[in-house]
Amino acid sequence: MLSPKMVDLLNAQVNLEFFSSNVYLQMGAWADNEGLEGCTSFLTMHADEEMGHMRRIWNYVQEAGEMPKLGTIPEPQNSFKDVREIFEAVYEHEKLVTAKIHEIAHAAFEAKDMATFNFIQWFVAEQHEEETLARNILDKIKIIGLDGKGLYFIDQEVGKFAAAESAGGGDASAT
């Protein structure tokens, strides 16, 4: 049985993951509009992953005999200066999600809710991967730049990340 505080934290995370999906889907639409196929693929795939994360938490709350609840999901930003701004926003957003996941882990540990503490560990590891990936993309943007052919090469590199994730089976969280 989940405490009311834990249900609230998990439901807040459900909504944050739903919002994250919308953020990445909107970013993918911007990239598509700019002709950046690799970035579009990467961002769209991440939107799907975030929905998988949302469903994973949703199912956990239901399995615990509680009611998952959707709240108001804000409209995501839809205009960007360039790809660097997108991936800076991705990195900052992932840091926010990490902080919220850590908050749940801490609350579960403090409450001695070991089932939730164990459940949330997958997300702790996932967030480490997500932040690292965003930093790696920003590092490539810094090295390659966006001038001239740089944007083309960045798009190709980001597309490789998407292809590698897709070949690796993608995010298993949707199951």
N, C-alpha and C. Protein backbone atom coordinates (compact mmCIF):
# COMPACT_ATOMS: atom_id res chain seq x y z
N MET A 1 0.84 -1.18 0.00
CA MET A 1 0.00 0.00 0.00
C MET A 1 0.89 1.25 0.00
N LEU A 2 0.55 2.17 -0.85
CA LEU A 2 1.30 3.42 -0.94
C LEU A 2 0.71 4.46 0.00
N SER A 3 1.58 5.25 0.60
CA SER A 3 1.11 6.35 1.44
C SER A 3 0.50 7.43 0.54
N PRO A 4 -0.35 8.26 1.08
CA PRO A 4 -0.90 9.37 0.28
C PRO A 4 0.19 10.27 -0.29
N LYS A 5 1.25 10.52 0.49
CA LYS A 5 2.36 11.34 -0.01
C LYS A 5 3.02 10.68 -1.21
N MET A 6 3.23 9.35 -1.14
CA MET A 6 3.88 8.65 -2.24
C MET A 6 2.98 8.65 -3.48
N VAL A 7 1.69 8.48 -3.29
CA VAL A 7 0.76 8.55 -4.43
C VAL A 7 0.86 9.92 -5.09
N ASP A 8 0.90 10.97 -4.28
CA ASP A 8 1.02 12.32 -4.83
C ASP A 8 2.32 12.50 -5.61
N LEU A 9 3.42 12.02 -5.04
CA LEU A 9 4.71 12.14 -5.74
C LEU A 9 4.71 11.36 -7.05
N LEU A 10 4.19 10.15 -7.02
CA LEU A 10 4.16 9.33 -8.23
C LEU A 10 3.22 9.92 -9.28
N ASN A 11 2.08 10.44 -8.85
CA ASN A 11 1.17 11.08 -9.81
C ASN A 11 1.79 12.34 -10.40
N ALA A 12 2.53 13.09 -9.60
CA ALA A 12 3.24 14.26 -10.14
C ALA A 12 4.25 13.81 -11.19
N GLN A 13 4.91 12.67 -10.94
CA GLN A 13 5.90 12.16 -11.90
C GLN A 13 5.21 11.67 -13.17
N VAL A 14 4.04 11.05 -13.03
CA VAL A 14 3.26 10.65 -14.21
C VAL A 14 3.05 11.87 -15.10
N ASN A 15 2.65 12.96 -14.50
CA ASN A 15 2.37 14.17 -15.26
C ASN A 15 3.63 14.80 -15.84
N LEU A 16 4.74 14.73 -15.10
CA LEU A 16 5.99 15.25 -15.63
C LEU A 16 6.46 14.42 -16.82
N GLU A 17 6.31 13.11 -16.75
CA GLU A 17 6.70 12.26 -17.88
C GLU A 17 5.82 12.52 -19.10
N PHE A 18 4.53 12.74 -18.85
CA PHE A 18 3.60 13.07 -19.94
C PHE A 18 4.03 14.39 -20.58
N PHE A 19 4.33 15.39 -19.75
CA PHE A 19 4.81 16.68 -20.24
C PHE A 19 6.11 16.50 -21.02
N SER A 20 7.02 15.68 -20.50
CA SER A 20 8.29 15.42 -21.18
C SER A 20 8.06 14.88 -22.58
N SER A 21 7.11 13.98 -22.72
CA SER A 21 6.78 13.44 -24.03
C SER A 21 6.34 14.55 -24.96
N ASN A 22 5.48 15.43 -24.46
CA ASN A 22 5.01 16.55 -25.28
C ASN A 22 6.15 17.49 -25.65
N VAL A 23 7.06 17.73 -24.71
CA VAL A 23 8.22 18.59 -24.97
C VAL A 23 9.03 18.03 -26.14
N TYR A 24 9.36 16.73 -26.07
CA TYR A 24 10.19 16.13 -27.10
C TYR A 24 9.45 15.99 -28.43
N LEU A 25 8.18 15.72 -28.36
CA LEU A 25 7.39 15.65 -29.59
C LEU A 25 7.36 17.02 -30.28
N GLN A 26 7.18 18.08 -29.52
CA GLN A 26 7.18 19.44 -30.09
C GLN A 26 8.55 19.80 -30.65
N MET A 27 9.60 19.44 -29.92
CA MET A 27 10.96 19.68 -30.42
C MET A 27 11.19 18.92 -31.72
N GLY A 28 10.68 17.69 -31.77
CA GLY A 28 10.81 16.89 -33.00
C GLY A 28 10.09 17.54 -34.17
N ALA A 29 8.93 18.14 -33.90
CA ALA A 29 8.19 18.83 -34.96
C ALA A 29 8.99 20.03 -35.46
N TRP A 30 9.64 20.76 -34.54
CA TRP A 30 10.47 21.88 -34.94
C TRP A 30 11.62 21.39 -35.82
N ALA A 31 12.28 20.32 -35.38
CA ALA A 31 13.41 19.77 -36.14
C ALA A 31 12.96 19.31 -37.53
N ASP A 32 11.80 18.67 -37.58
CA ASP A 32 11.26 18.23 -38.87
C ASP A 32 11.01 19.43 -39.79
N ASN A 33 10.47 20.49 -39.22
CA ASN A 33 10.21 21.70 -39.99
C ASN A 33 11.50 22.31 -40.53
N GLU A 34 12.60 22.07 -39.83
CA GLU A 34 13.91 22.58 -40.26
C GLU A 34 14.64 21.61 -41.18
N GLY A 35 14.03 20.46 -41.48
CA GLY A 35 14.66 19.48 -42.36
C GLY A 35 15.74 18.65 -41.68
N LEU A 36 15.70 18.54 -40.37
CA LEU A 36 16.72 17.82 -39.60
C LEU A 36 16.20 16.42 -39.27
N GLU A 37 16.36 15.51 -40.20
CA GLU A 37 15.79 14.18 -40.08
C GLU A 37 16.35 13.41 -38.88
N GLY A 38 17.65 13.50 -38.65
CA GLY A 38 18.25 12.77 -37.53
C GLY A 38 17.74 13.27 -36.20
N CYS A 39 17.65 14.59 -36.05
CA CYS A 39 17.13 15.18 -34.81
C CYS A 39 15.66 14.86 -34.64
N THR A 40 14.91 14.89 -35.74
CA THR A 40 13.49 14.54 -35.67
C THR A 40 13.32 13.12 -35.15
N SER A 41 14.06 12.20 -35.71
CA SER A 41 13.98 10.80 -35.30
C SER A 41 14.34 10.64 -33.83
N PHE A 42 15.43 11.26 -33.42
CA PHE A 42 15.88 11.18 -32.03
C PHE A 42 14.84 11.73 -31.06
N LEU A 43 14.34 12.92 -31.35
CA LEU A 43 13.40 13.57 -30.44
C LEU A 43 12.05 12.86 -30.40
N THR A 44 11.60 12.38 -31.55
CA THR A 44 10.34 11.65 -31.60
C THR A 44 10.45 10.34 -30.83
N MET A 45 11.58 9.66 -30.98
CA MET A 45 11.81 8.43 -30.23
C MET A 45 11.82 8.70 -28.73
N HIS A 46 12.42 9.82 -28.34
CA HIS A 46 12.43 10.17 -26.92
C HIS A 46 11.03 10.52 -26.41
N ALA A 47 10.22 11.12 -27.26
CA ALA A 47 8.83 11.38 -26.86
C ALA A 47 8.12 10.06 -26.55
N ASP A 48 8.33 9.07 -27.39
CA ASP A 48 7.74 7.75 -27.16
C ASP A 48 8.26 7.12 -25.87
N GLU A 49 9.56 7.27 -25.62
CA GLU A 49 10.15 6.72 -24.39
C GLU A 49 9.53 7.36 -23.15
N GLU A 50 9.32 8.65 -23.21
CA GLU A 50 8.74 9.34 -22.05
C GLU A 50 7.32 8.86 -21.78
N MET A 51 6.56 8.57 -22.83
CA MET A 51 5.23 8.00 -22.64
C MET A 51 5.34 6.62 -22.01
N GLY A 52 6.36 5.87 -22.39
CA GLY A 52 6.61 4.58 -21.76
C GLY A 52 6.92 4.73 -20.28
N HIS A 53 7.69 5.75 -19.94
CA HIS A 53 7.98 6.01 -18.53
C HIS A 53 6.70 6.35 -17.77
N MET A 54 5.88 7.18 -18.40
CA MET A 54 4.61 7.56 -17.78
C MET A 54 3.76 6.32 -17.52
N ARG A 55 3.66 5.45 -18.51
CA ARG A 55 2.85 4.23 -18.35
C ARG A 55 3.43 3.31 -17.29
N ARG A 56 4.74 3.27 -17.19
CA ARG A 56 5.38 2.40 -16.20
C ARG A 56 4.99 2.84 -14.79
N ILE A 57 5.03 4.14 -14.52
CA ILE A 57 4.66 4.66 -13.20
C ILE A 57 3.16 4.50 -12.99
N TRP A 58 2.38 4.81 -14.02
CA TRP A 58 0.91 4.67 -13.97
C TRP A 58 0.54 3.25 -13.54
N ASN A 59 1.16 2.27 -14.19
CA ASN A 59 0.87 0.87 -13.88
C ASN A 59 1.28 0.52 -12.45
N TYR A 60 2.41 1.05 -12.00
CA TYR A 60 2.86 0.77 -10.64
C TYR A 60 1.84 1.29 -9.62
N VAL A 61 1.36 2.48 -9.84
CA VAL A 61 0.37 3.07 -8.93
C VAL A 61 -0.90 2.21 -8.93
N GLN A 62 -1.35 1.80 -10.11
CA GLN A 62 -2.54 0.95 -10.20
C GLN A 62 -2.33 -0.40 -9.52
N GLU A 63 -1.17 -1.02 -9.77
CA GLU A 63 -0.88 -2.32 -9.17
C GLU A 63 -0.84 -2.23 -7.65
N ALA A 64 -0.51 -1.05 -7.13
CA ALA A 64 -0.47 -0.85 -5.68
C ALA A 64 -1.88 -0.58 -5.12
N GLY A 65 -2.89 -0.62 -5.98
CA GLY A 65 -4.26 -0.44 -5.54
C GLY A 65 -4.67 1.02 -5.38
N GLU A 66 -3.90 1.90 -5.99
CA GLU A 66 -4.20 3.34 -5.89
C GLU A 66 -4.66 3.86 -7.24
N MET A 67 -5.12 5.10 -7.25
CA MET A 67 -5.64 5.72 -8.47
C MET A 67 -4.60 6.66 -9.07
N PRO A 68 -4.07 6.31 -10.25
CA PRO A 68 -3.22 7.27 -10.94
C PRO A 68 -4.10 8.40 -11.48
N LYS A 69 -3.55 9.60 -11.49
CA LYS A 69 -4.34 10.75 -11.92
C LYS A 69 -3.52 11.64 -12.84
N LEU A 70 -4.16 12.04 -13.92
CA LEU A 70 -3.57 13.01 -14.83
C LEU A 70 -3.99 14.40 -14.39
N GLY A 71 -3.05 15.31 -14.45
CA GLY A 71 -3.34 16.71 -14.16
C GLY A 71 -3.23 17.52 -15.44
N THR A 72 -3.18 18.80 -15.29
CA THR A 72 -3.03 19.70 -16.43
C THR A 72 -1.59 19.60 -16.94
N ILE A 73 -1.47 19.41 -18.24
CA ILE A 73 -0.15 19.33 -18.87
C ILE A 73 0.08 20.64 -19.61
N PRO A 74 1.10 21.41 -19.22
CA PRO A 74 1.34 22.70 -19.89
C PRO A 74 1.75 22.53 -21.35
N GLU A 75 1.51 23.56 -22.11
CA GLU A 75 1.95 23.58 -23.51
C GLU A 75 3.46 23.74 -23.55
N PRO A 76 4.15 22.90 -24.33
CA PRO A 76 5.60 23.02 -24.41
C PRO A 76 6.02 24.16 -25.35
N GLN A 77 7.24 24.60 -25.17
CA GLN A 77 7.83 25.59 -26.07
C GLN A 77 7.81 25.03 -27.49
N ASN A 78 7.52 25.87 -28.49
CA ASN A 78 7.44 25.37 -29.86
C ASN A 78 8.33 26.11 -30.85
N SER A 79 9.11 27.05 -30.34
CA SER A 79 10.00 27.81 -31.22
C SER A 79 11.40 27.81 -30.61
N PHE A 80 12.38 27.59 -31.46
CA PHE A 80 13.76 27.50 -31.00
C PHE A 80 14.67 28.25 -31.95
N LYS A 81 15.73 28.79 -31.40
CA LYS A 81 16.72 29.52 -32.20
C LYS A 81 17.49 28.57 -33.11
N ASP A 82 17.91 27.43 -32.52
CA ASP A 82 18.71 26.47 -33.28
C ASP A 82 18.77 25.15 -32.50
N VAL A 83 19.50 24.20 -33.06
CA VAL A 83 19.62 22.88 -32.46
C VAL A 83 20.33 22.95 -31.11
N ARG A 84 21.28 23.83 -30.98
CA ARG A 84 21.97 23.97 -29.68
C ARG A 84 20.96 24.33 -28.59
N GLU A 85 20.06 25.27 -28.88
CA GLU A 85 19.06 25.65 -27.90
C GLU A 85 18.17 24.46 -27.54
N ILE A 86 17.82 23.65 -28.52
CA ILE A 86 17.00 22.47 -28.24
C ILE A 86 17.71 21.54 -27.27
N PHE A 87 18.96 21.21 -27.56
CA PHE A 87 19.65 20.23 -26.72
C PHE A 87 20.09 20.80 -25.38
N GLU A 88 20.25 22.11 -25.30
CA GLU A 88 20.44 22.73 -23.97
C GLU A 88 19.16 22.59 -23.16
N ALA A 89 18.02 22.77 -23.82
CA ALA A 89 16.73 22.61 -23.14
C ALA A 89 16.50 21.14 -22.76
N VAL A 90 16.90 20.22 -23.62
CA VAL A 90 16.79 18.78 -23.30
C VAL A 90 17.60 18.48 -22.04
N TYR A 91 18.83 18.97 -22.01
CA TYR A 91 19.70 18.70 -20.86
C TYR A 91 19.11 19.28 -19.58
N GLU A 92 18.64 20.51 -19.64
CA GLU A 92 18.05 21.14 -18.44
C GLU A 92 16.79 20.40 -18.01
N HIS A 93 16.00 19.97 -18.98
CA HIS A 93 14.77 19.24 -18.65
C HIS A 93 15.11 17.90 -17.99
N GLU A 94 16.10 17.21 -18.52
CA GLU A 94 16.49 15.92 -17.93
C GLU A 94 17.03 16.10 -16.52
N LYS A 95 17.72 17.21 -16.27
CA LYS A 95 18.18 17.47 -14.90
C LYS A 95 16.99 17.68 -13.96
N LEU A 96 15.96 18.34 -14.43
CA LEU A 96 14.74 18.52 -13.64
C LEU A 96 14.09 17.17 -13.33
N VAL A 97 13.96 16.33 -14.35
CA VAL A 97 13.36 15.02 -14.16
C VAL A 97 14.19 14.20 -13.16
N THR A 98 15.50 14.27 -13.29
CA THR A 98 16.38 13.56 -12.35
C THR A 98 16.13 14.02 -10.92
N ALA A 99 16.03 15.31 -10.71
CA ALA A 99 15.78 15.84 -9.36
C ALA A 99 14.47 15.30 -8.80
N LYS A 100 13.45 15.22 -9.63
CA LYS A 100 12.14 14.72 -9.17
C LYS A 100 12.20 13.22 -8.87
N ILE A 101 12.92 12.46 -9.68
CA ILE A 101 13.10 11.03 -9.43
C ILE A 101 13.84 10.83 -8.11
N HIS A 102 14.89 11.62 -7.89
CA HIS A 102 15.64 11.51 -6.64
C HIS A 102 14.77 11.87 -5.44
N GLU A 103 13.87 12.82 -5.62
CA GLU A 103 12.94 13.18 -4.55
C GLU A 103 12.04 11.99 -4.19
N ILE A 104 11.57 11.27 -5.20
CA ILE A 104 10.74 10.09 -4.95
C ILE A 104 11.57 9.01 -4.24
N ALA A 105 12.78 8.79 -4.74
CA ALA A 105 13.65 7.77 -4.13
C ALA A 105 13.92 8.11 -2.66
N HIS A 106 14.22 9.35 -2.39
CA HIS A 106 14.49 9.79 -1.02
C HIS A 106 13.26 9.60 -0.13
N ALA A 107 12.11 10.02 -0.63
CA ALA A 107 10.87 9.89 0.15
C ALA A 107 10.54 8.42 0.42
N ALA A 108 10.74 7.57 -0.57
CA ALA A 108 10.47 6.14 -0.40
C ALA A 108 11.42 5.54 0.63
N PHE A 109 12.68 5.92 0.56
CA PHE A 109 13.68 5.41 1.51
C PHE A 109 13.34 5.87 2.92
N GLU A 110 13.04 7.15 3.06
CA GLU A 110 12.71 7.71 4.38
C GLU A 110 11.46 7.05 4.96
N ALA A 111 10.50 6.73 4.13
CA ALA A 111 9.25 6.11 4.59
C ALA A 111 9.38 4.59 4.74
N LYS A 112 10.56 4.07 4.41
CA LYS A 112 10.81 2.62 4.43
C LYS A 112 9.85 1.89 3.50
N ASP A 113 9.49 2.55 2.40
CA ASP A 113 8.67 1.96 1.35
C ASP A 113 9.64 1.32 0.35
N MET A 114 10.12 0.14 0.71
CA MET A 114 11.17 -0.50 -0.08
C MET A 114 10.68 -0.95 -1.46
N ALA A 115 9.40 -1.25 -1.59
CA ALA A 115 8.89 -1.63 -2.91
C ALA A 115 9.01 -0.45 -3.88
N THR A 116 8.60 0.74 -3.43
CA THR A 116 8.71 1.91 -4.29
C THR A 116 10.17 2.30 -4.48
N PHE A 117 10.95 2.20 -3.42
CA PHE A 117 12.38 2.51 -3.53
C PHE A 117 13.03 1.61 -4.57
N ASN A 118 12.71 0.33 -4.55
CA ASN A 118 13.24 -0.60 -5.53
C ASN A 118 12.72 -0.26 -6.93
N PHE A 119 11.44 0.01 -7.05
CA PHE A 119 10.83 0.35 -8.34
C PHE A 119 11.51 1.57 -8.96
N ILE A 120 11.77 2.59 -8.17
CA ILE A 120 12.27 3.86 -8.70
C ILE A 120 13.75 3.78 -9.10
N GLN A 121 14.45 2.73 -8.67
CA GLN A 121 15.87 2.61 -9.02
C GLN A 121 16.09 2.50 -10.53
N TRP A 122 15.14 1.88 -11.23
CA TRP A 122 15.26 1.80 -12.69
C TRP A 122 15.31 3.21 -13.27
N PHE A 123 14.48 4.10 -12.74
CA PHE A 123 14.42 5.48 -13.21
C PHE A 123 15.68 6.25 -12.84
N VAL A 124 16.25 5.95 -11.69
CA VAL A 124 17.51 6.60 -11.29
C VAL A 124 18.58 6.29 -12.34
N ALA A 125 18.71 5.02 -12.71
CA ALA A 125 19.69 4.62 -13.72
C ALA A 125 19.35 5.22 -15.08
N GLU A 126 18.09 5.22 -15.43
CA GLU A 126 17.64 5.78 -16.72
C GLU A 126 17.99 7.26 -16.81
N GLN A 127 17.78 7.99 -15.73
CA GLN A 127 18.07 9.42 -15.75
C GLN A 127 19.56 9.69 -15.89
N HIS A 128 20.38 8.84 -15.29
CA HIS A 128 21.83 8.99 -15.48
C HIS A 128 22.17 8.86 -16.96
N GLU A 129 21.58 7.88 -17.62
CA GLU A 129 21.81 7.68 -19.06
C GLU A 129 21.30 8.87 -19.87
N GLU A 130 20.13 9.38 -19.53
CA GLU A 130 19.54 10.48 -20.28
C GLU A 130 20.37 11.75 -20.16
N GLU A 131 20.83 12.07 -18.97
CA GLU A 131 21.68 13.25 -18.80
C GLU A 131 22.99 13.10 -19.54
N THR A 132 23.59 11.92 -19.46
CA THR A 132 24.86 11.67 -20.16
C THR A 132 24.67 11.82 -21.66
N LEU A 133 23.60 11.29 -22.21
CA LEU A 133 23.33 11.38 -23.64
C LEU A 133 23.17 12.85 -24.06
N ALA A 134 22.40 13.61 -23.30
CA ALA A 134 22.20 15.03 -23.64
C ALA A 134 23.53 15.78 -23.59
N ARG A 135 24.34 15.51 -22.58
CA ARG A 135 25.67 16.16 -22.49
C ARG A 135 26.55 15.77 -23.67
N ASN A 136 26.50 14.49 -24.07
CA ASN A 136 27.30 14.04 -25.21
C ASN A 136 26.89 14.77 -26.50
N ILE A 137 25.61 14.95 -26.68
CA ILE A 137 25.14 15.68 -27.87
C ILE A 137 25.61 17.13 -27.81
N LEU A 138 25.49 17.76 -26.66
CA LEU A 138 25.97 19.14 -26.52
C LEU A 138 27.47 19.24 -26.76
N ASP A 139 28.23 18.24 -26.30
CA ASP A 139 29.68 18.22 -26.56
C ASP A 139 29.96 18.14 -28.05
N LYS A 140 29.20 17.32 -28.78
CA LYS A 140 29.39 17.21 -30.23
C LYS A 140 29.05 18.52 -30.92
N ILE A 141 28.00 19.18 -30.46
CA ILE A 141 27.63 20.48 -31.03
C ILE A 141 28.76 21.48 -30.80
N LYS A 142 29.34 21.45 -29.62
CA LYS A 142 30.44 22.36 -29.29
C LYS A 142 31.66 22.08 -30.18
N ILE A 143 31.97 20.83 -30.41
CA ILE A 143 33.14 20.45 -31.22
C ILE A 143 32.89 20.73 -32.70
N ILE A 144 31.74 20.31 -33.22
CA ILE A 144 31.46 20.41 -34.65
C ILE A 144 30.96 21.80 -35.02
N GLY A 145 30.16 22.40 -34.15
CA GLY A 145 29.58 23.71 -34.45
C GLY A 145 28.36 23.57 -35.35
N LEU A 146 27.71 24.69 -35.57
CA LEU A 146 26.49 24.70 -36.38
C LEU A 146 26.66 25.50 -37.66
N ASP A 147 27.84 26.02 -37.89
CA ASP A 147 28.09 26.81 -39.10
C ASP A 147 28.35 25.91 -40.29
N GLY A 148 27.94 26.37 -41.44
CA GLY A 148 28.21 25.64 -42.68
C GLY A 148 27.71 24.21 -42.62
N LYS A 149 28.61 23.28 -42.87
CA LYS A 149 28.25 21.86 -42.89
C LYS A 149 28.09 21.30 -41.48
N GLY A 150 28.43 22.07 -40.47
CA GLY A 150 28.34 21.60 -39.09
C GLY A 150 26.95 21.12 -38.73
N LEU A 151 25.93 21.87 -39.13
CA LEU A 151 24.56 21.50 -38.81
C LEU A 151 24.21 20.14 -39.43
N TYR A 152 24.67 19.94 -40.66
CA TYR A 152 24.44 18.65 -41.33
C TYR A 152 25.08 17.52 -40.52
N PHE A 153 26.32 17.72 -40.10
CA PHE A 153 27.02 16.67 -39.35
C PHE A 153 26.39 16.44 -37.98
N ILE A 154 25.94 17.49 -37.33
CA ILE A 154 25.25 17.33 -36.05
C ILE A 154 23.99 16.49 -36.25
N ASP A 155 23.22 16.82 -37.28
CA ASP A 155 22.00 16.07 -37.55
C ASP A 155 22.32 14.59 -37.80
N GLN A 156 23.39 14.32 -38.52
CA GLN A 156 23.80 12.94 -38.77
C GLN A 156 24.19 12.24 -37.47
N GLU A 157 24.94 12.92 -36.63
CA GLU A 157 25.38 12.34 -35.36
C GLU A 157 24.19 12.05 -34.44
N VAL A 158 23.27 12.98 -34.34
CA VAL A 158 22.09 12.77 -33.50
C VAL A 158 21.25 11.63 -34.06
N GLY A 159 21.16 11.55 -35.36
CA GLY A 159 20.46 10.44 -36.00
C GLY A 159 21.08 9.09 -35.66
N LYS A 160 22.41 9.07 -35.52
CA LYS A 160 23.10 7.83 -35.13
C LYS A 160 22.70 7.40 -33.72
N PHE A 161 22.53 8.37 -32.82
CA PHE A 161 22.08 8.04 -31.47
C PHE A 161 20.70 7.38 -31.54
N ALA A 162 19.82 7.93 -32.36
CA ALA A 162 18.47 7.38 -32.49
C ALA A 162 18.53 5.97 -33.08
N ALA A 163 19.35 5.78 -34.10
CA ALA A 163 19.47 4.47 -34.74
C ALA A 163 20.05 3.44 -33.76
N ALA A 164 21.01 3.85 -32.96
CA ALA A 164 21.61 2.93 -31.98
C ALA A 164 20.59 2.54 -30.92
N GLU A 165 19.79 3.49 -30.47
CA GLU A 165 18.75 3.17 -29.46
C GLU A 165 17.70 2.25 -30.08
N SER A 166 17.34 2.51 -31.32
CA SER A 166 16.34 1.71 -31.99
C SER A 166 16.85 0.28 -32.19
N ALA A 167 18.10 0.15 -32.58
CA ALA A 167 18.70 -1.18 -32.79
C ALA A 167 18.85 -1.94 -31.48
N GLY A 168 19.04 -1.19 -30.40
CA GLY A 168 19.18 -1.81 -29.09
C GLY A 168 17.87 -2.19 -28.46
N GLY A 169 16.78 -2.03 -29.18
CA GLY A 169 15.47 -2.41 -28.66
C GLY A 169 14.73 -1.24 -28.05
N GLY A 170 15.37 -0.05 -28.01
CA GLY A 170 14.67 1.11 -27.47
C GLY A 170 14.44 0.99 -25.98
N ASP A 171 13.45 1.64 -25.52
CA ASP A 171 13.13 1.72 -24.10
C ASP A 171 12.20 0.58 -23.72
N ALA A 172 12.67 -0.26 -22.83
CA ALA A 172 11.88 -1.41 -22.39
C ALA A 172 10.81 -1.05 -21.38
N SER A 173 10.70 0.23 -21.06
CA SER A 173 9.78 0.62 -20.00
C SER A 173 8.32 0.52 -20.39
N ALA A 174 8.02 0.40 -21.65
CA ALA A 174 6.63 0.37 -22.08
C ALA A 174 5.96 -0.97 -21.79
N THR A 175 6.75 -1.96 -21.42
CA THR A 175 6.17 -3.28 -21.15
C THR A 175 5.71 -3.41 -19.73
